[in-house]
Each structure stands twice: as structure tokens, then as C-alpha cells.
Amino acid sequence: MSSNDKLEELAHPTYWDERYVSPTEDSYEWFKNYDQIREFVEKHIPDKSSSIINLGCGNSLMSPTMHEEGYCNIANIDFSKIIIEKMSEKYPEQT
């Protein structure tokens, strides 16, 4: 499979559903974890009631950690309905 084919595959929800359907890692941070961007977030989003959108949230702990820090208006969006359901079950107080 060429690298272009692999990138193309990432654009399909079925790829992500297959990734999350079986229990794998508990969480995965594609970019950085909250501790690594905390200072940036606090500087640019000081109002913890601000609306925040987390695109491609997957099973990242970014939103749960931000919620623990007091950010209460976070919308998590992902291609995979499976991971949204799993994370909603894991963190029901955030749905």
C-alpha cells in the first residue's frame, strides 16, 4: 500500500470504526496532551465557559482533562460513531 493510499484510507469513517471496535490502547494523543498545551489554552481561552470544539477527538484524554480543569462546554466530534459511544459511556458526566 502506497503512502497516498494510506492517507486516503484515513478519510473514511470505516477505517476509524475498525480501529476503535476492538479494545486497543486506552487513549491516544495524536497531537499533544493537555498538560503540554495548558499554558496556551489558559492564555487564549481564559473563560472556562467558552464553547470549544474538539475535531477528531478519538479516544484522546484532551476533553476529559479539560473538563476536570473546569472547561464545561466542549463538543467532541469524530468520524467514528463507535469511539463517540465508547467515550460517552466512559465519561457520562460530559455528555
PDB file of N, CA and C in Angstrom:
ATOM      1  N   MET A   1       0.850  -1.176   0.000  1.00  0.00           N
ATOM      2  CA  MET A   1       0.000   0.000   0.000  1.00  0.00           C
ATOM      3  C   MET A   1       0.894   1.236   0.000  1.00  0.00           C
ATOM      4  N   SER A   2       0.637   2.134  -0.929  1.00  0.00           N
ATOM      5  CA  SER A   2       1.442   3.353  -1.001  1.00  0.00           C
ATOM      6  C   SER A   2       1.031   4.317   0.104  1.00  0.00           C
ATOM      7  N   SER A   3       1.879   5.288   0.357  1.00  0.00           N
ATOM      8  CA  SER A   3       1.562   6.272   1.403  1.00  0.00           C
ATOM      9  C   SER A   3       0.324   7.077   1.032  1.00  0.00           C
ATOM     10  N   ASN A   4       0.105   7.319  -0.263  1.00  0.00           N
ATOM     11  CA  ASN A   4      -1.109   8.027  -0.691  1.00  0.00           C
ATOM     12  C   ASN A   4      -2.355   7.196  -0.410  1.00  0.00           C
ATOM     13  N   ASP A   5      -2.266   5.884  -0.632  1.00  0.00           N
ATOM     14  CA  ASP A   5      -3.395   5.003  -0.330  1.00  0.00           C
ATOM     15  C   ASP A   5      -3.696   5.019   1.163  1.00  0.00           C
ATOM     16  N   LYS A   6      -2.649   5.015   1.970  1.00  0.00           N
ATOM     17  CA  LYS A   6      -2.829   5.039   3.423  1.00  0.00           C
ATOM     18  C   LYS A   6      -3.513   6.335   3.860  1.00  0.00           C
ATOM     19  N   LEU A   7      -3.079   7.454   3.307  1.00  0.00           N
ATOM     20  CA  LEU A   7      -3.717   8.736   3.628  1.00  0.00           C
ATOM     21  C   LEU A   7      -5.169   8.744   3.188  1.00  0.00           C
ATOM     22  N   GLU A   8      -5.438   8.190   2.025  1.00  0.00           N
ATOM     23  CA  GLU A   8      -6.811   8.108   1.512  1.00  0.00           C
ATOM     24  C   GLU A   8      -7.685   7.298   2.467  1.00  0.00           C
ATOM     25  N   GLU A   9      -7.131   6.228   2.981  1.00  0.00           N
ATOM     26  CA  GLU A   9      -7.855   5.360   3.900  1.00  0.00           C
ATOM     27  C   GLU A   9      -8.294   6.116   5.160  1.00  0.00           C
ATOM     28  N   LEU A  10      -7.475   7.039   5.627  1.00  0.00           N
ATOM     29  CA  LEU A  10      -7.788   7.807   6.838  1.00  0.00           C
ATOM     30  C   LEU A  10      -9.002   8.710   6.674  1.00  0.00           C
ATOM     31  N   ALA A  11      -9.403   8.966   5.445  1.00  0.00           N
ATOM     32  CA  ALA A  11     -10.531   9.861   5.173  1.00  0.00           C
ATOM     33  C   ALA A  11     -11.881   9.153   5.242  1.00  0.00           C
ATOM     34  N   HIS A  12     -11.885   7.884   5.591  1.00  0.00           N
ATOM     35  CA  HIS A  12     -13.132   7.114   5.610  1.00  0.00           C
ATOM     36  C   HIS A  12     -13.502   6.684   7.026  1.00  0.00           C
ATOM     37  N   PRO A  13     -14.754   6.930   7.422  1.00  0.00           N
ATOM     38  CA  PRO A  13     -15.190   6.537   8.764  1.00  0.00           C
ATOM     39  C   PRO A  13     -14.987   5.050   9.065  1.00  0.00           C
ATOM     40  N   THR A  14     -15.088   4.190   8.053  1.00  0.00           N
ATOM     41  CA  THR A  14     -14.925   2.754   8.311  1.00  0.00           C
ATOM     42  C   THR A  14     -13.532   2.426   8.853  1.00  0.00           C
ATOM     43  N   TYR A  15     -12.525   3.144   8.390  1.00  0.00           N
ATOM     44  CA  TYR A  15     -11.167   2.928   8.917  1.00  0.00           C
ATOM     45  C   TYR A  15     -11.151   3.164  10.427  1.00  0.00           C
ATOM     46  N   TRP A  16     -11.758   4.267  10.838  1.00  0.00           N
ATOM     47  CA  TRP A  16     -11.735   4.639  12.256  1.00  0.00           C
ATOM     48  C   TRP A  16     -12.614   3.719  13.086  1.00  0.00           C
ATOM     49  N   ASP A  17     -13.776   3.318  12.556  1.00  0.00           N
ATOM     50  CA  ASP A  17     -14.615   2.368  13.283  1.00  0.00           C
ATOM     51  C   ASP A  17     -13.859   1.064  13.519  1.00  0.00           C
ATOM     52  N   GLU A  18     -13.154   0.580  12.495  1.00  0.00           N
ATOM     53  CA  GLU A  18     -12.380  -0.654  12.643  1.00  0.00           C
ATOM     54  C   GLU A  18     -11.253  -0.478  13.661  1.00  0.00           C
ATOM     55  N   ARG A  19     -10.679   0.702  13.693  1.00  0.00           N
ATOM     56  CA  ARG A  19      -9.599   0.965  14.658  1.00  0.00           C
ATOM     57  C   ARG A  19     -10.122   0.900  16.096  1.00  0.00           C
ATOM     58  N   TYR A  20     -11.319   1.424  16.321  1.00  0.00           N
ATOM     59  CA  TYR A  20     -11.835   1.547  17.681  1.00  0.00           C
ATOM     60  C   TYR A  20     -12.766   0.421  18.107  1.00  0.00           C
ATOM     61  N   VAL A  21     -13.170  -0.465  17.185  1.00  0.00           N
ATOM     62  CA  VAL A  21     -14.127  -1.509  17.542  1.00  0.00           C
ATOM     63  C   VAL A  21     -13.532  -2.520  18.520  1.00  0.00           C
ATOM     64  N   SER A  22     -12.266  -2.828  18.387  1.00  0.00           N
ATOM     65  CA  SER A  22     -11.637  -3.759  19.328  1.00  0.00           C
ATOM     66  C   SER A  22     -10.905  -2.967  20.401  1.00  0.00           C
ATOM     67  N   PRO A  23     -10.870  -3.511  21.602  1.00  0.00           N
ATOM     68  CA  PRO A  23     -10.158  -2.791  22.659  1.00  0.00           C
ATOM     69  C   PRO A  23      -8.658  -2.743  22.353  1.00  0.00           C
ATOM     70  N   THR A  24      -8.171  -1.559  22.185  1.00  0.00           N
ATOM     71  CA  THR A  24      -6.738  -1.375  21.943  1.00  0.00           C
ATOM     72  C   THR A  24      -6.197  -0.504  23.058  1.00  0.00           C
ATOM     73  N   GLU A  25      -5.505   0.537  22.698  1.00  0.00           N
ATOM     74  CA  GLU A  25      -4.980   1.419  23.732  1.00  0.00           C
ATOM     75  C   GLU A  25      -6.118   2.185  24.401  1.00  0.00           C
ATOM     76  N   ASP A  26      -5.917   2.502  25.671  1.00  0.00           N
ATOM     77  CA  ASP A  26      -6.929   3.217  26.441  1.00  0.00           C
ATOM     78  C   ASP A  26      -7.126   4.627  25.912  1.00  0.00           C
ATOM     79  N   SER A  27      -6.043   5.244  25.489  1.00  0.00           N
ATOM     80  CA  SER A  27      -6.130   6.585  24.898  1.00  0.00           C
ATOM     81  C   SER A  27      -4.947   6.776  23.964  1.00  0.00           C
ATOM     82  N   TYR A  28      -5.104   7.727  23.084  1.00  0.00           N
ATOM     83  CA  TYR A  28      -4.021   8.037  22.154  1.00  0.00           C
ATOM     84  C   TYR A  28      -4.061   9.524  21.858  1.00  0.00           C
ATOM     85  N   GLU A  29      -2.956  10.187  22.043  1.00  0.00           N
ATOM     86  CA  GLU A  29      -2.857  11.618  21.773  1.00  0.00           C
ATOM     87  C   GLU A  29      -2.174  11.820  20.424  1.00  0.00           C
ATOM     88  N   TRP A  30      -2.932  12.263  19.446  1.00  0.00           N
ATOM     89  CA  TRP A  30      -2.379  12.484  18.107  1.00  0.00           C
ATOM     90  C   TRP A  30      -1.478  13.706  18.077  1.00  0.00           C
ATOM     91  N   PHE A  31      -1.845  14.704  18.820  1.00  0.00           N
ATOM     92  CA  PHE A  31      -1.104  15.965  18.786  1.00  0.00           C
ATOM     93  C   PHE A  31      -0.285  16.104  20.059  1.00  0.00           C
ATOM     94  N   LYS A  32      -0.900  16.595  21.082  1.00  0.00           N
ATOM     95  CA  LYS A  32      -0.247  16.766  22.385  1.00  0.00           C
ATOM     96  C   LYS A  32      -1.289  16.512  23.453  1.00  0.00           C
ATOM     97  N   ASN A  33      -0.844  16.224  24.656  1.00  0.00           N
ATOM     98  CA  ASN A  33      -1.810  16.081  25.733  1.00  0.00           C
ATOM     99  C   ASN A  33      -2.076  17.457  26.349  1.00  0.00           C
ATOM    100  N   TYR A  34      -3.094  17.514  27.201  1.00  0.00           N
ATOM    101  CA  TYR A  34      -3.495  18.812  27.742  1.00  0.00           C
ATOM    102  C   TYR A  34      -2.375  19.486  28.528  1.00  0.00           C
ATOM    103  N   ASP A  35      -1.635  18.731  29.300  1.00  0.00           N
ATOM    104  CA  ASP A  35      -0.545  19.334  30.078  1.00  0.00           C
ATOM    105  C   ASP A  35       0.459  20.058  29.187  1.00  0.00           C
ATOM    106  N   GLN A  36       0.653  19.554  27.974  1.00  0.00           N
ATOM    107  CA  GLN A  36       1.605  20.176  27.051  1.00  0.00           C
ATOM    108  C   GLN A  36       1.081  21.475  26.435  1.00  0.00           C
ATOM    109  N   ILE A  37      -0.242  21.669  26.442  1.00  0.00           N
ATOM    110  CA  ILE A  37      -0.794  22.901  25.853  1.00  0.00           C
ATOM    111  C   ILE A  37      -1.580  23.730  26.866  1.00  0.00           C
ATOM    112  N   ARG A  38      -1.527  23.332  28.123  1.00  0.00           N
ATOM    113  CA  ARG A  38      -2.288  24.018  29.179  1.00  0.00           C
ATOM    114  C   ARG A  38      -2.055  25.530  29.176  1.00  0.00           C
ATOM    115  N   GLU A  39      -0.817  25.938  29.153  1.00  0.00           N
ATOM    116  CA  GLU A  39      -0.493  27.368  29.193  1.00  0.00           C
ATOM    117  C   GLU A  39      -1.126  28.106  28.006  1.00  0.00           C
ATOM    118  N   PHE A  40      -1.039  27.524  26.827  1.00  0.00           N
ATOM    119  CA  PHE A  40      -1.628  28.122  25.626  1.00  0.00           C
ATOM    120  C   PHE A  40      -3.149  28.244  25.773  1.00  0.00           C
ATOM    121  N   VAL A  41      -3.788  27.168  26.226  1.00  0.00           N
ATOM    122  CA  VAL A  41      -5.246  27.167  26.388  1.00  0.00           C
ATOM    123  C   VAL A  41      -5.666  28.211  27.409  1.00  0.00           C
ATOM    124  N   GLU A  42      -5.015  28.243  28.546  1.00  0.00           N
ATOM    125  CA  GLU A  42      -5.382  29.201  29.591  1.00  0.00           C
ATOM    126  C   GLU A  42      -5.189  30.639  29.130  1.00  0.00           C
ATOM    127  N   LYS A  43      -4.187  30.882  28.298  1.00  0.00           N
ATOM    128  CA  LYS A  43      -3.947  32.226  27.777  1.00  0.00           C
ATOM    129  C   LYS A  43      -5.013  32.626  26.761  1.00  0.00           C
ATOM    130  N   HIS A  44      -5.365  31.710  25.862  1.00  0.00           N
ATOM    131  CA  HIS A  44      -6.252  32.051  24.754  1.00  0.00           C
ATOM    132  C   HIS A  44      -7.719  31.718  25.002  1.00  0.00           C
ATOM    133  N   ILE A  45      -7.997  30.909  26.004  1.00  0.00           N
ATOM    134  CA  ILE A  45      -9.383  30.597  26.369  1.00  0.00           C
ATOM    135  C   ILE A  45      -9.515  30.725  27.888  1.00  0.00           C
ATOM    136  N   PRO A  46      -9.387  31.951  28.401  1.00  0.00           N
ATOM    137  CA  PRO A  46      -9.440  32.119  29.857  1.00  0.00           C
ATOM    138  C   PRO A  46     -10.832  31.862  30.444  1.00  0.00           C
ATOM    139  N   ASP A  47     -11.883  32.091  29.647  1.00  0.00           N
ATOM    140  CA  ASP A  47     -13.251  31.871  30.112  1.00  0.00           C
ATOM    141  C   ASP A  47     -13.584  30.387  29.962  1.00  0.00           C
ATOM    142  N   LYS A  48     -13.661  29.693  31.075  1.00  0.00           N
ATOM    143  CA  LYS A  48     -13.859  28.248  31.033  1.00  0.00           C
ATOM    144  C   LYS A  48     -15.256  27.845  30.586  1.00  0.00           C
ATOM    145  N   SER A  49     -16.153  28.821  30.390  1.00  0.00           N
ATOM    146  CA  SER A  49     -17.473  28.501  29.844  1.00  0.00           C
ATOM    147  C   SER A  49     -17.525  28.723  28.332  1.00  0.00           C
ATOM    148  N   SER A  50     -16.388  29.061  27.727  1.00  0.00           N
ATOM    149  CA  SER A  50     -16.323  29.253  26.274  1.00  0.00           C
ATOM    150  C   SER A  50     -16.679  27.958  25.550  1.00  0.00           C
ATOM    151  N   SER A  51     -17.258  28.098  24.364  1.00  0.00           N
ATOM    152  CA  SER A  51     -17.539  26.933  23.522  1.00  0.00           C
ATOM    153  C   SER A  51     -16.243  26.455  22.879  1.00  0.00           C
ATOM    154  N   ILE A  52     -15.971  25.175  23.013  1.00  0.00           N
ATOM    155  CA  ILE A  52     -14.753  24.574  22.460  1.00  0.00           C
ATOM    156  C   ILE A  52     -15.164  23.374  21.620  1.00  0.00           C
ATOM    157  N   ILE A  53     -14.586  23.241  20.437  1.00  0.00           N
ATOM    158  CA  ILE A  53     -14.847  22.081  19.590  1.00  0.00           C
ATOM    159  C   ILE A  53     -13.559  21.276  19.450  1.00  0.00           C
ATOM    160  N   ASN A  54     -13.671  19.993  19.670  1.00  0.00           N
ATOM    161  CA  ASN A  54     -12.533  19.082  19.567  1.00  0.00           C
ATOM    162  C   ASN A  54     -12.785  18.177  18.360  1.00  0.00           C
ATOM    163  N   LEU A  55     -12.228  18.554  17.222  1.00  0.00           N
ATOM    164  CA  LEU A  55     -12.424  17.799  15.985  1.00  0.00           C
ATOM    165  C   LEU A  55     -11.497  16.595  15.945  1.00  0.00           C
ATOM    166  N   GLY A  56     -12.053  15.450  15.606  1.00  0.00           N
ATOM    167  CA  GLY A  56     -11.242  14.235  15.555  1.00  0.00           C
ATOM    168  C   GLY A  56     -10.780  13.816  16.931  1.00  0.00           C
ATOM    169  N   CYS A  57     -11.693  13.861  17.889  1.00  0.00           N
ATOM    170  CA  CYS A  57     -11.333  13.622  19.289  1.00  0.00           C
ATOM    171  C   CYS A  57     -10.815  12.213  19.559  1.00  0.00           C
ATOM    172  N   GLY A  58     -11.308  11.231  18.826  1.00  0.00           N
ATOM    173  CA  GLY A  58     -10.867   9.858  19.063  1.00  0.00           C
ATOM    174  C   GLY A  58     -10.984   9.490  20.530  1.00  0.00           C
ATOM    175  N   ASN A  59     -10.010   8.774  21.050  1.00  0.00           N
ATOM    176  CA  ASN A  59     -10.019   8.405  22.466  1.00  0.00           C
ATOM    177  C   ASN A  59      -9.007   9.227  23.268  1.00  0.00           C
ATOM    178  N   SER A  60      -8.712  10.404  22.759  1.00  0.00           N
ATOM    179  CA  SER A  60      -7.802  11.326  23.441  1.00  0.00           C
ATOM    180  C   SER A  60      -8.364  11.716  24.808  1.00  0.00           C
ATOM    181  N   LEU A  61      -7.484  11.981  25.728  1.00  0.00           N
ATOM    182  CA  LEU A  61      -7.893  12.447  27.054  1.00  0.00           C
ATOM    183  C   LEU A  61      -7.942  13.968  27.144  1.00  0.00           C
ATOM    184  N   MET A  62      -7.783  14.645  26.006  1.00  0.00           N
ATOM    185  CA  MET A  62      -7.804  16.108  25.993  1.00  0.00           C
ATOM    186  C   MET A  62      -9.093  16.652  26.612  1.00  0.00           C
ATOM    187  N   SER A  63     -10.244  16.251  26.096  1.00  0.00           N
ATOM    188  CA  SER A  63     -11.509  16.786  26.606  1.00  0.00           C
ATOM    189  C   SER A  63     -11.788  16.389  28.048  1.00  0.00           C
ATOM    190  N   PRO A  64     -11.619  15.107  28.427  1.00  0.00           N
ATOM    191  CA  PRO A  64     -11.836  14.774  29.839  1.00  0.00           C
ATOM    192  C   PRO A  64     -10.939  15.571  30.787  1.00  0.00           C
ATOM    193  N   THR A  65      -9.695  15.783  30.391  1.00  0.00           N
ATOM    194  CA  THR A  65      -8.779  16.546  31.243  1.00  0.00           C
ATOM    195  C   THR A  65      -9.197  18.008  31.306  1.00  0.00           C
ATOM    196  N   MET A  66      -9.577  18.573  30.168  1.00  0.00           N
ATOM    197  CA  MET A  66     -10.041  19.965  30.168  1.00  0.00           C
ATOM    198  C   MET A  66     -11.305  20.101  31.012  1.00  0.00           C
ATOM    199  N   HIS A  67     -12.187  19.105  30.946  1.00  0.00           N
ATOM    200  CA  HIS A  67     -13.408  19.127  31.749  1.00  0.00           C
ATOM    201  C   HIS A  67     -13.062  19.119  33.237  1.00  0.00           C
ATOM    202  N   GLU A  68     -12.098  18.297  33.624  1.00  0.00           N
ATOM    203  CA  GLU A  68     -11.639  18.269  35.021  1.00  0.00           C
ATOM    204  C   GLU A  68     -11.083  19.623  35.451  1.00  0.00           C
ATOM    205  N   GLU A  69     -10.519  20.366  34.506  1.00  0.00           N
ATOM    206  CA  GLU A  69      -9.952  21.690  34.786  1.00  0.00           C
ATOM    207  C   GLU A  69     -11.022  22.785  34.797  1.00  0.00           C
ATOM    208  N   GLY A  70     -12.280  22.419  34.510  1.00  0.00           N
ATOM    209  CA  GLY A  70     -13.364  23.387  34.595  1.00  0.00           C
ATOM    210  C   GLY A  70     -13.958  23.835  33.275  1.00  0.00           C
ATOM    211  N   TYR A  71     -13.386  23.408  32.162  1.00  0.00           N
ATOM    212  CA  TYR A  71     -13.969  23.734  30.853  1.00  0.00           C
ATOM    213  C   TYR A  71     -15.191  22.848  30.676  1.00  0.00           C
ATOM    214  N   CYS A  72     -16.356  23.481  30.575  1.00  0.00           N
ATOM    215  CA  CYS A  72     -17.602  22.715  30.655  1.00  0.00           C
ATOM    216  C   CYS A  72     -18.429  22.724  29.374  1.00  0.00           C
ATOM    217  N   ASN A  73     -17.952  23.372  28.328  1.00  0.00           N
ATOM    218  CA  ASN A  73     -18.737  23.471  27.097  1.00  0.00           C
ATOM    219  C   ASN A  73     -17.899  22.977  25.912  1.00  0.00           C
ATOM    220  N   ILE A  74     -17.593  21.680  25.914  1.00  0.00           N
ATOM    221  CA  ILE A  74     -16.733  21.084  24.892  1.00  0.00           C
ATOM    222  C   ILE A  74     -17.563  20.149  24.021  1.00  0.00           C
ATOM    223  N   ALA A  75     -17.511  20.363  22.717  1.00  0.00           N
ATOM    224  CA  ALA A  75     -18.172  19.473  21.760  1.00  0.00           C
ATOM    225  C   ALA A  75     -17.103  18.591  21.118  1.00  0.00           C
ATOM    226  N   ASN A  76     -17.271  17.296  21.252  1.00  0.00           N
ATOM    227  CA  ASN A  76     -16.328  16.333  20.673  1.00  0.00           C
ATOM    228  C   ASN A  76     -16.927  15.745  19.402  1.00  0.00           C
ATOM    229  N   ILE A  77     -16.158  15.778  18.328  1.00  0.00           N
ATOM    230  CA  ILE A  77     -16.622  15.287  17.034  1.00  0.00           C
ATOM    231  C   ILE A  77     -15.588  14.319  16.484  1.00  0.00           C
ATOM    232  N   ASP A  78     -16.083  13.209  15.937  1.00  0.00           N
ATOM    233  CA  ASP A  78     -15.188  12.229  15.337  1.00  0.00           C
ATOM    234  C   ASP A  78     -15.923  11.478  14.234  1.00  0.00           C
ATOM    235  N   PHE A  79     -15.166  11.016  13.234  1.00  0.00           N
ATOM    236  CA  PHE A  79     -15.721  10.175  12.168  1.00  0.00           C
ATOM    237  C   PHE A  79     -16.378   8.924  12.740  1.00  0.00           C
ATOM    238  N   SER A  80     -15.779   8.372  13.776  1.00  0.00           N
ATOM    239  CA  SER A  80     -16.202   7.085  14.308  1.00  0.00           C
ATOM    240  C   SER A  80     -17.305   7.231  15.348  1.00  0.00           C
ATOM    241  N   LYS A  81     -18.482   6.725  15.009  1.00  0.00           N
ATOM    242  CA  LYS A  81     -19.572   6.705  15.981  1.00  0.00           C
ATOM    243  C   LYS A  81     -19.227   5.769  17.135  1.00  0.00           C
ATOM    244  N   ILE A  82     -18.449   4.747  16.826  1.00  0.00           N
ATOM    245  CA  ILE A  82     -18.054   3.773  17.847  1.00  0.00           C
ATOM    246  C   ILE A  82     -17.270   4.444  18.969  1.00  0.00           C
ATOM    247  N   ILE A  83     -16.299   5.273  18.630  1.00  0.00           N
ATOM    248  CA  ILE A  83     -15.494   5.897  19.686  1.00  0.00           C
ATOM    249  C   ILE A  83     -16.293   6.963  20.435  1.00  0.00           C
ATOM    250  N   ILE A  84     -17.192   7.642  19.756  1.00  0.00           N
ATOM    251  CA  ILE A  84     -18.059   8.612  20.446  1.00  0.00           C
ATOM    252  C   ILE A  84     -18.903   7.880  21.487  1.00  0.00           C
ATOM    253  N   GLU A  85     -19.469   6.731  21.111  1.00  0.00           N
ATOM    254  CA  GLU A  85     -20.263   5.946  22.056  1.00  0.00           C
ATOM    255  C   GLU A  85     -19.405   5.455  23.221  1.00  0.00           C
ATOM    256  N   LYS A  86     -18.211   4.935  22.923  1.00  0.00           N
ATOM    257  CA  LYS A  86     -17.329   4.438  23.985  1.00  0.00           C
ATOM    258  C   LYS A  86     -16.927   5.549  24.949  1.00  0.00           C
ATOM    259  N   MET A  87     -16.562   6.702  24.406  1.00  0.00           N
ATOM    260  CA  MET A  87     -16.137   7.810  25.268  1.00  0.00           C
ATOM    261  C   MET A  87     -17.326   8.376  26.050  1.00  0.00           C
ATOM    262  N   SER A  88     -18.525   8.370  25.458  1.00  0.00           N
ATOM    263  CA  SER A  88     -19.725   8.824  26.170  1.00  0.00           C
ATOM    264  C   SER A  88     -20.033   7.900  27.341  1.00  0.00           C
ATOM    265  N   GLU A  89     -19.832   6.600  27.144  1.00  0.00           N
ATOM    266  CA  GLU A  89     -20.036   5.642  28.236  1.00  0.00           C
ATOM    267  C   GLU A  89     -18.975   5.817  29.324  1.00  0.00           C
ATOM    268  N   LYS A  90     -17.760   6.081  28.907  1.00  0.00           N
ATOM    269  CA  LYS A  90     -16.649   6.223  29.855  1.00  0.00           C
ATOM    270  C   LYS A  90     -16.744   7.523  30.658  1.00  0.00           C
ATOM    271  N   TYR A  91     -17.254   8.580  30.024  1.00  0.00           N
ATOM    272  CA  TYR A  91     -17.348   9.899  30.665  1.00  0.00           C
ATOM    273  C   TYR A  91     -18.781  10.430  30.563  1.00  0.00           C
ATOM    274  N   PRO A  92     -19.757   9.769  31.217  1.00  0.00           N
ATOM    275  CA  PRO A  92     -21.159  10.177  31.077  1.00  0.00           C
ATOM    276  C   PRO A  92     -21.446  11.591  31.580  1.00  0.00           C
ATOM    277  N   GLU A  93     -20.647  12.079  32.505  1.00  0.00           N
ATOM    278  CA  GLU A  93     -20.869  13.432  33.040  1.00  0.00           C
ATOM    279  C   GLU A  93     -20.544  14.506  32.009  1.00  0.00           C
ATOM    280  N   GLN A  94     -19.948  14.131  30.913  1.00  0.00           N
ATOM    281  CA  GLN A  94     -19.563  15.115  29.896  1.00  0.00           C
ATOM    282  C   GLN A  94     -20.472  15.079  28.669  1.00  0.00           C
ATOM    283  N   THR A  95     -21.533  14.279  28.709  1.00  0.00           N
ATOM    284  CA  THR A  95     -22.416  14.196  27.540  1.00  0.00           C
ATOM    285  C   THR A  95     -23.587  15.125  27.666  1.00  0.00           C
TER     286      THR A  95
END
